[in-house]
Amino acid sequence: MTVVKTYNNDEALQNDINKLKDVNIDPSNVFVLSHDDDRTARIVEHTDYSGIDYNNKDLGQKFDKQGDELRAKLQELGLSKEQAEENEEKMDEGKVFLIVKDDKAKEVLG
């Protein structure tokens, strides 16, 4: 199951990432995505968790636009095409996404 949570507040996102570590969710199942690569990197760097995938550029294909790339990544993580489009539009508004491919995340993230 894929759990998706949207954030405006970077500190709240960092706190939730640390909670995922506390319940031993594998960092390879944790993804942070936004339109701002630098912001996303800072968020991940300010957590106690290493190995988190954020704004991964290695999808095996080239994209002309960042939005296309992010939608592809969202679909790769288990979201439908419609969900990917809707969530990428929220990224346009400055939101950051925490995506976790582990059922335990639902309990932690609510």
Protein backbone atom coordinates (compact mmCIF):
# COMPACT_ATOMS: atom_id res chain seq x y z
CA MET A 1 0.00 0.00 0.00
CA THR A 2 1.23 3.48 -0.86
CA VAL A 3 0.62 6.24 1.70
CA VAL A 4 0.75 9.84 0.45
CA LYS A 5 0.75 12.91 2.68
CA THR A 6 1.00 16.56 1.59
CA TYR A 7 2.86 19.25 3.51
CA ASN A 8 3.21 23.02 3.50
CA ASN A 9 5.42 23.00 6.60
CA ASP A 10 8.89 21.52 6.18
CA GLU A 11 9.38 21.01 9.92
CA ALA A 12 6.18 18.94 10.19
CA LEU A 13 7.40 16.80 7.29
CA GLN A 14 10.80 16.30 8.93
CA ASN A 15 9.10 15.27 12.19
CA ASP A 16 6.95 12.72 10.36
CA ILE A 17 10.00 11.29 8.58
CA ASN A 18 11.68 10.81 11.96
CA LYS A 19 8.54 9.02 13.22
CA LEU A 20 8.82 6.63 10.27
CA LYS A 21 12.38 5.84 11.35
CA ASP A 22 11.16 5.19 14.90
CA VAL A 23 8.86 2.41 13.63
CA ASN A 24 11.66 0.94 11.49
CA ILE A 25 10.24 1.68 8.05
CA ASP A 26 12.95 0.96 5.52
CA PRO A 27 14.25 4.27 4.08
CA SER A 28 14.18 2.76 0.59
CA ASN A 29 10.37 2.85 0.91
CA VAL A 30 10.31 6.57 1.80
CA PHE A 31 10.14 9.23 -0.92
CA VAL A 32 10.02 13.03 -0.72
CA LEU A 33 8.99 14.94 -3.84
CA SER A 34 8.50 18.60 -4.71
CA HIS A 35 9.19 21.05 -7.53
CA ASP A 36 12.11 22.55 -5.59
CA ASP A 37 15.05 20.13 -5.60
CA ASP A 38 17.06 22.24 -3.13
CA ARG A 39 14.17 22.47 -0.66
CA THR A 40 13.55 18.74 -0.88
CA ALA A 41 17.24 17.98 -0.29
CA ARG A 42 17.29 20.31 2.75
CA ILE A 43 14.23 18.60 4.24
CA VAL A 44 15.79 15.16 3.93
CA GLU A 45 19.17 16.37 5.23
CA HIS A 46 17.48 17.71 8.37
CA THR A 47 16.10 14.31 9.36
CA ASP A 48 17.76 11.46 11.23
CA TYR A 49 17.12 9.14 8.28
CA SER A 50 19.62 8.32 5.55
CA GLY A 51 18.81 6.55 2.31
CA ILE A 52 15.58 8.40 1.53
CA ASP A 53 14.82 8.87 -2.17
CA TYR A 54 14.00 12.45 -3.06
CA ASN A 55 13.38 13.94 -6.48
CA ASN A 56 15.17 10.98 -8.04
CA LYS A 57 16.30 11.84 -11.55
CA ASP A 58 16.97 8.23 -12.55
CA LEU A 59 13.71 7.03 -14.09
CA GLY A 60 15.47 5.57 -17.09
CA GLN A 61 14.03 8.18 -19.43
CA LYS A 62 14.51 11.86 -20.17
CA PHE A 63 11.84 14.49 -19.60
CA ASP A 64 11.55 17.96 -21.09
CA LYS A 65 9.62 19.29 -18.11
CA GLN A 66 9.97 18.67 -14.40
CA GLY A 67 6.20 18.22 -14.09
CA ASP A 68 6.29 15.30 -16.53
CA GLU A 69 9.10 13.74 -14.54
CA LEU A 70 7.32 14.13 -11.21
CA ARG A 71 4.07 12.68 -12.59
CA ALA A 72 6.03 9.68 -13.91
CA LYS A 73 7.68 9.22 -10.51
CA LEU A 74 4.30 9.38 -8.75
CA GLN A 75 2.91 6.74 -11.08
CA GLU A 76 6.02 4.61 -10.57
CA LEU A 77 5.27 4.79 -6.82
CA GLY A 78 1.78 3.39 -7.30
CA LEU A 79 -0.49 6.37 -7.90
CA SER A 80 -2.95 6.39 -10.78
CA LYS A 81 -2.41 8.77 -13.69
CA GLU A 82 -5.21 10.99 -12.36
CA GLN A 83 -3.77 11.03 -8.82
CA ALA A 84 -0.32 11.81 -10.22
CA GLU A 85 -1.68 14.76 -12.22
CA GLU A 86 -3.66 16.10 -9.26
CA ASN A 87 -0.71 15.81 -6.88
CA GLU A 88 1.75 17.34 -9.33
CA GLU A 89 -0.58 20.37 -9.58
CA LYS A 90 -0.35 20.69 -5.78
CA MET A 91 3.44 20.70 -6.12
CA ASP A 92 3.02 23.66 -8.48
CA GLU A 93 1.48 25.45 -5.47
CA GLY A 94 4.57 24.76 -3.33
CA LYS A 95 3.45 21.63 -1.54
CA VAL A 96 5.86 18.82 -0.69
CA PHE A 97 4.86 15.15 -0.72
CA LEU A 98 5.88 12.33 1.57
CA ILE A 99 5.21 8.99 -0.08
CA VAL A 100 5.74 5.75 1.80
CA LYS A 101 5.41 2.24 0.42
CA ASP A 102 4.76 0.49 3.74
CA ASP A 103 1.46 -0.25 5.51
CA LYS A 104 2.88 0.80 8.90
CA ALA A 105 3.10 4.39 7.61
CA LYS A 106 -0.68 4.72 7.70
CA GLU A 107 -0.64 4.32 11.49
CA VAL A 108 2.21 6.81 11.90
CA LEU A 109 1.00 9.46 9.45
CA GLY A 110 -2.72 9.16 10.17
